[in-house]
Amino acid sequence: MNQFIKGALVANAAAMGYNWIYNMPYLEKLSKEQSLVFQKADPAQYERAKKSYYVYPKAEIGDVSVQGEVLKWLYIAMKDNPELTVEDYEKLVFNQFQPGGDYQGYIESYGKKLVINRLSEILKLDIKKVAQTDDQLVGIVPYLVCKELNLSNEKAIELKNTFTNKTEYDDFFIMFDHIIEAVKNGSLKEALKKNIKYAPKDYYEKLEKAIEIDDTKKFIIDHAGTDCHIPKSIPLIYHILYHATDFEDAVVKNVLIGGASCDRGLVIGAIFSQVSEIPEAWIKKTKLNF
């Protein structure tokens, strides 16, 4: 768990107190009064933020988002069975999300679709299967697990098809591979600059601007966004990775931006942990006992 998963989960858990608050000015003002990392979500703060979604009322400090949970489940399963199939992955997630399942919390759209499809099969309902066309960061989860366990990108691509039919992820896996390899003998900034060429072509300009533009607010308005959909989240992740000084700075910047900060944190934490120490106090706060 020490290669990629730990950094991913620490950065995810750090953002849980303000995940899905879409009000940067509010978060900036609040950050002058208190730390925003590793806080328990306060419904009153979500209310004051106006544009926000308070979906983890039972979460404690150190817990992770639903995508963080999926990362945990898949890692545990693939550590025992590296040959895990799409069918196995579907069953794994369904057993958690189904009515009466162990997971008790918010379920995102890809999970709801999976439950509908599998229940309709089990109950033999005459319902057309719902297509899985998700474009959120959950598609990156199999890649992080496969990197941790030294498994191939082919396996990661196979498993990401559980929730999405989009091929952009395949190119991003290659891009991240090159970045991770490059930082072994160079800086993260140089690795990010040199490996944009492996991204999907539609992303070239956004990723170049992620590096060129220092003003985060301007970059978000013109070239990215703060939700979880990859056309917005991957450019913003790239921007944070490039402009942060270390793991801690990257996580703080990410939380301060708001929006889908937990799930951006999965990628930010996994990548930045390759070049920077994770604060020991943060590791202790994150629920990694699995």
Protein backbone atom coordinates (compact mmCIF):
# COMPACT_ATOMS: atom_id res chain seq x y z
CA MET A 1 0.00 0.00 0.00
CA ASN A 2 3.00 2.28 0.39
CA GLN A 3 3.69 3.07 -3.27
CA PHE A 4 0.55 4.89 -4.44
CA ILE A 5 -2.48 3.91 -2.38
CA LYS A 6 -1.37 5.50 0.89
CA GLY A 7 -0.77 8.91 -0.68
CA ALA A 8 -4.05 8.70 -2.57
CA LEU A 9 -6.11 7.90 0.52
CA VAL A 10 -4.39 10.44 2.76
CA ALA A 11 -5.07 13.23 0.24
CA ASN A 12 -8.65 12.02 -0.16
CA ALA A 13 -9.34 11.88 3.58
CA ALA A 14 -7.75 15.29 4.11
CA ALA A 15 -10.46 16.88 1.95
CA MET A 16 -13.54 15.20 3.44
CA GLY A 17 -14.52 18.15 5.63
CA TYR A 18 -15.13 20.44 2.64
CA ASN A 19 -15.68 18.07 -0.27
CA TRP A 20 -18.33 19.31 -2.72
CA ILE A 21 -18.41 22.88 -1.48
CA TYR A 22 -18.43 24.92 -4.69
CA ASN A 23 -17.59 28.30 -3.20
CA MET A 24 -13.89 29.19 -3.31
CA PRO A 25 -14.28 32.65 -1.74
CA TYR A 26 -16.05 31.09 1.23
CA LEU A 27 -13.31 28.47 1.66
CA GLU A 28 -10.59 31.10 1.33
CA LYS A 29 -12.20 33.20 4.05
CA LEU A 30 -12.64 30.18 6.29
CA SER A 31 -9.00 29.12 5.79
CA LYS A 32 -7.88 32.35 7.43
CA GLU A 33 -9.69 31.25 10.60
CA GLN A 34 -8.83 27.55 10.70
CA SER A 35 -7.16 24.68 8.87
CA LEU A 36 -9.34 23.05 6.23
CA VAL A 37 -7.57 19.67 6.17
CA PHE A 38 -8.76 16.70 8.21
CA GLN A 39 -11.89 18.38 9.49
CA LYS A 40 -15.29 16.86 10.19
CA ALA A 41 -17.91 18.15 7.77
CA ASP A 42 -20.17 20.71 9.43
CA PRO A 43 -23.69 21.01 7.94
CA ALA A 44 -23.87 24.64 9.05
CA GLN A 45 -20.76 25.47 7.01
CA TYR A 46 -22.22 23.71 3.99
CA GLU A 47 -25.39 25.75 4.43
CA ARG A 48 -23.44 29.00 4.63
CA ALA A 49 -21.45 28.05 1.53
CA LYS A 50 -24.76 27.93 -0.43
CA LYS A 51 -23.60 25.94 -3.45
CA SER A 52 -22.66 22.70 -1.77
CA TYR A 53 -23.67 19.06 -1.35
CA TYR A 54 -23.55 17.65 2.18
CA VAL A 55 -23.58 13.92 1.41
CA TYR A 56 -21.36 12.34 4.07
CA PRO A 57 -23.13 13.22 7.36
CA LYS A 58 -21.75 10.15 9.17
CA ALA A 59 -18.13 10.61 8.07
CA GLU A 60 -15.52 10.97 10.79
CA ILE A 61 -12.05 12.48 10.50
CA GLY A 62 -9.90 10.01 8.57
CA ASP A 63 -12.74 8.54 6.51
CA VAL A 64 -12.62 8.68 2.71
CA SER A 65 -15.14 9.43 -0.04
CA VAL A 66 -17.03 6.70 -1.86
CA GLN A 67 -14.37 6.65 -4.60
CA GLY A 68 -11.77 6.24 -1.88
CA GLU A 69 -13.75 3.27 -0.57
CA VAL A 70 -13.87 1.72 -4.05
CA LEU A 71 -10.09 2.12 -4.20
CA LYS A 72 -9.74 0.28 -0.87
CA TRP A 73 -12.06 -2.55 -1.91
CA LEU A 74 -10.38 -3.08 -5.26
CA TYR A 75 -6.88 -2.99 -3.74
CA ILE A 76 -7.77 -5.59 -1.10
CA ALA A 77 -9.42 -7.83 -3.70
CA MET A 78 -6.60 -7.60 -6.24
CA LYS A 79 -3.90 -8.14 -3.65
CA ASP A 80 -5.51 -11.56 -3.12
CA ASN A 81 -6.45 -12.08 -6.76
CA PRO A 82 -4.42 -10.17 -9.38
CA GLU A 83 -6.47 -11.88 -12.11
CA LEU A 84 -9.69 -10.21 -10.93
CA THR A 85 -12.13 -9.75 -13.82
CA VAL A 86 -14.72 -7.11 -14.68
CA GLU A 87 -17.40 -9.52 -13.46
CA ASP A 88 -15.53 -9.88 -10.16
CA TYR A 89 -15.19 -6.09 -9.85
CA GLU A 90 -18.90 -5.62 -10.52
CA LYS A 91 -19.78 -8.20 -7.85
CA LEU A 92 -17.36 -6.61 -5.40
CA VAL A 93 -18.92 -3.17 -5.74
CA PHE A 94 -22.48 -4.49 -5.96
CA ASN A 95 -22.10 -6.44 -2.72
CA GLN A 96 -21.18 -3.19 -0.99
CA PHE A 97 -23.76 -0.93 -2.64
CA GLN A 98 -26.80 -3.21 -2.86
CA PRO A 99 -29.70 -2.74 -0.43
CA GLY A 100 -28.50 -4.31 2.82
CA GLY A 101 -24.86 -4.13 1.71
CA ASP A 102 -22.02 -3.27 4.06
CA TYR A 103 -21.49 0.22 2.65
CA GLN A 104 -23.75 2.76 4.28
CA GLY A 105 -23.29 6.13 2.63
CA TYR A 106 -23.58 8.19 -0.51
CA ILE A 107 -23.52 6.30 -3.82
CA GLU A 108 -22.60 8.10 -7.03
CA SER A 109 -24.33 7.63 -10.38
CA TYR A 110 -22.03 4.88 -11.70
CA GLY A 111 -22.73 2.85 -8.55
CA LYS A 112 -26.48 3.34 -8.82
CA LYS A 113 -26.39 2.19 -12.45
CA LEU A 114 -24.42 -0.91 -11.46
CA VAL A 115 -26.96 -1.77 -8.75
CA ILE A 116 -29.88 -1.30 -11.17
CA ASN A 117 -28.25 -3.51 -13.81
CA ARG A 118 -27.36 -6.33 -11.44
CA LEU A 119 -30.69 -6.28 -9.58
CA SER A 120 -32.56 -6.42 -12.89
CA GLU A 121 -30.50 -9.51 -13.80
CA ILE A 122 -31.04 -11.16 -10.42
CA LEU A 123 -34.79 -10.44 -10.42
CA LYS A 124 -35.11 -11.19 -14.15
CA LEU A 125 -36.76 -7.85 -14.81
CA ASP A 126 -37.53 -6.77 -18.35
CA ILE A 127 -35.40 -3.64 -18.10
CA LYS A 128 -32.88 -2.50 -20.67
CA LYS A 129 -29.36 -2.50 -19.27
CA VAL A 130 -28.17 1.00 -18.37
CA ALA A 131 -24.99 1.92 -20.27
CA GLN A 132 -21.94 2.75 -18.17
CA THR A 133 -20.56 5.93 -19.75
CA ASP A 134 -19.18 7.60 -16.64
CA ASP A 135 -16.42 10.19 -16.99
CA GLN A 136 -15.57 10.74 -13.33
CA LEU A 137 -12.29 10.00 -11.58
CA VAL A 138 -13.48 6.55 -10.48
CA GLY A 139 -12.13 5.45 -13.87
CA ILE A 140 -8.61 6.12 -12.55
CA VAL A 141 -9.06 3.80 -9.54
CA PRO A 142 -8.04 0.56 -11.34
CA TYR A 143 -4.91 2.31 -12.63
CA LEU A 144 -3.82 3.29 -9.11
CA VAL A 145 -4.40 -0.24 -7.83
CA CYS A 146 -2.53 -1.80 -10.74
CA LYS A 147 0.40 0.59 -10.22
CA GLU A 148 0.52 -0.35 -6.54
CA LEU A 149 0.54 -4.07 -7.35
CA ASN A 150 2.84 -3.82 -10.38
CA LEU A 151 0.14 -5.02 -12.75
CA SER A 152 -0.26 -3.99 -16.37
CA ASN A 153 -2.16 -1.09 -17.86
CA GLU A 154 -4.07 -3.68 -19.87
CA LYS A 155 -5.55 -4.94 -16.61
CA ALA A 156 -6.33 -1.37 -15.50
CA ILE A 157 -8.06 -0.65 -18.83
CA GLU A 158 -10.05 -3.88 -18.60
CA LEU A 159 -11.32 -2.99 -15.13
CA LYS A 160 -12.08 0.68 -15.79
CA ASN A 161 -14.55 -0.55 -18.41
CA THR A 162 -16.74 -1.59 -15.47
CA PHE A 163 -17.88 2.01 -15.12
CA THR A 164 -16.96 3.70 -18.39
CA ASN A 165 -16.60 3.11 -22.11
CA LYS A 166 -14.48 6.22 -22.60
CA THR A 167 -11.01 5.68 -24.04
CA GLU A 168 -9.45 8.90 -22.73
CA TYR A 169 -8.56 7.02 -19.56
CA ASP A 170 -6.33 4.67 -21.56
CA ASP A 171 -4.20 7.60 -22.73
CA PHE A 172 -4.10 9.12 -19.25
CA PHE A 173 -2.77 5.83 -17.85
CA ILE A 174 0.10 6.04 -20.35
CA MET A 175 0.69 9.71 -19.55
CA PHE A 176 0.82 9.06 -15.81
CA ASP A 177 3.17 6.12 -16.42
CA HIS A 178 5.61 8.41 -18.19
CA ILE A 179 5.33 11.05 -15.47
CA ILE A 180 5.94 8.50 -12.71
CA GLU A 181 8.95 7.10 -14.54
CA ALA A 182 10.36 10.56 -15.29
CA VAL A 183 10.32 11.74 -11.65
CA LYS A 184 12.70 8.93 -10.70
CA ASN A 185 15.49 10.94 -12.31
CA GLY A 186 14.07 14.45 -12.56
CA SER A 187 11.65 17.00 -11.18
CA LEU A 188 7.88 16.69 -11.21
CA LYS A 189 7.60 20.01 -13.05
CA GLU A 190 9.79 18.76 -15.90
CA ALA A 191 7.93 15.46 -16.00
CA LEU A 192 4.60 17.27 -16.32
CA LYS A 193 5.92 19.53 -19.07
CA LYS A 194 7.43 16.75 -21.16
CA ASN A 195 4.62 14.23 -21.01
CA ILE A 196 1.56 16.21 -22.09
CA LYS A 197 2.13 14.61 -25.51
CA TYR A 198 0.80 11.30 -24.16
CA ALA A 199 -2.55 12.79 -23.10
CA PRO A 200 -5.61 12.66 -25.37
CA LYS A 201 -5.14 15.33 -28.03
CA ASP A 202 -8.25 17.22 -26.91
CA TYR A 203 -6.47 17.90 -23.63
CA TYR A 204 -3.18 19.29 -24.95
CA GLU A 205 -4.13 22.96 -24.68
CA LYS A 206 -5.76 22.59 -21.27
CA LEU A 207 -2.71 20.84 -19.82
CA GLU A 208 -0.33 23.36 -21.35
CA LYS A 209 -2.38 26.17 -19.81
CA ALA A 210 -2.37 24.28 -16.50
CA ILE A 211 1.39 24.83 -16.45
CA GLU A 212 1.52 28.30 -17.98
CA ILE A 213 -1.15 30.01 -15.85
CA ASP A 214 -0.24 30.76 -12.23
CA ASP A 215 -3.62 32.22 -11.28
CA THR A 216 -5.68 29.22 -10.19
CA LYS A 217 -9.03 31.02 -10.33
CA LYS A 218 -8.41 32.26 -13.86
CA PHE A 219 -7.26 28.82 -14.95
CA ILE A 220 -10.37 27.17 -13.53
CA ILE A 221 -12.70 29.66 -15.21
CA ASP A 222 -11.01 29.51 -18.61
CA HIS A 223 -9.70 25.95 -18.91
CA ALA A 224 -10.99 23.60 -16.20
CA GLY A 225 -13.61 23.32 -13.46
CA THR A 226 -13.97 21.99 -9.96
CA ASP A 227 -16.27 18.99 -10.47
CA CYS A 228 -15.16 15.38 -10.88
CA HIS A 229 -15.67 14.94 -14.63
CA ILE A 230 -12.28 14.38 -16.24
CA PRO A 231 -12.47 17.19 -18.85
CA LYS A 232 -12.41 19.55 -15.86
CA SER A 233 -10.72 17.57 -13.09
CA ILE A 234 -7.65 16.25 -14.93
CA PRO A 235 -6.51 19.73 -16.08
CA LEU A 236 -7.02 21.04 -12.54
CA ILE A 237 -5.08 18.12 -11.08
CA TYR A 238 -2.27 18.89 -13.52
CA HIS A 239 -2.32 22.55 -12.46
CA ILE A 240 -2.10 21.67 -8.76
CA LEU A 241 0.67 19.12 -9.32
CA TYR A 242 2.72 21.67 -11.23
CA HIS A 243 2.28 24.67 -8.95
CA ALA A 244 2.46 22.98 -5.53
CA THR A 245 5.78 22.78 -3.70
CA ASP A 246 5.29 19.48 -1.88
CA PHE A 247 2.68 16.91 -0.85
CA GLU A 248 1.29 19.04 1.97
CA ASP A 249 1.06 22.16 -0.19
CA ALA A 250 -0.69 20.23 -2.97
CA VAL A 251 -3.29 18.84 -0.57
CA VAL A 252 -3.95 22.22 1.05
CA LYS A 253 -4.31 23.89 -2.36
CA ASN A 254 -6.68 21.17 -3.49
CA VAL A 255 -8.94 21.46 -0.44
CA LEU A 256 -9.01 25.25 -0.69
CA ILE A 257 -10.34 25.03 -4.26
CA GLY A 258 -13.31 22.93 -3.18
CA GLY A 259 -15.63 21.02 -5.46
CA ALA A 260 -14.61 17.39 -6.00
CA SER A 261 -11.55 17.80 -3.81
CA CYS A 262 -11.63 14.29 -2.33
CA ASP A 263 -11.52 12.53 -5.66
CA ARG A 264 -8.95 14.88 -7.18
CA GLY A 265 -6.98 14.06 -4.05
CA LEU A 266 -6.73 10.40 -5.06
CA VAL A 267 -4.64 11.29 -8.11
CA ILE A 268 -2.80 14.24 -6.55
CA GLY A 269 -1.79 12.19 -3.52
CA ALA A 270 -0.71 9.16 -5.53
CA ILE A 271 1.51 11.23 -7.84
CA PHE A 272 2.94 13.67 -5.29
CA SER A 273 3.84 10.84 -2.90
CA GLN A 274 6.41 9.78 -5.51
CA VAL A 275 8.41 12.98 -5.01
CA SER A 276 7.51 14.26 -1.54
CA GLU A 277 7.07 12.86 1.96
CA ILE A 278 3.54 12.44 3.28
CA PRO A 279 3.22 14.18 6.66
CA GLU A 280 3.35 11.49 9.34
CA ALA A 281 0.59 13.20 11.33
CA TRP A 282 -1.69 12.96 8.30
CA ILE A 283 -0.95 9.26 7.84
CA LYS A 284 -1.96 8.65 11.46
CA LYS A 285 -5.23 10.53 10.96
CA THR A 286 -6.23 8.52 7.88
CA LYS A 287 -8.05 5.22 8.37
CA LEU A 288 -5.61 2.89 6.66
CA ASN A 289 -6.24 -0.20 8.81
CA PHE A 290 -7.41 -2.54 6.07
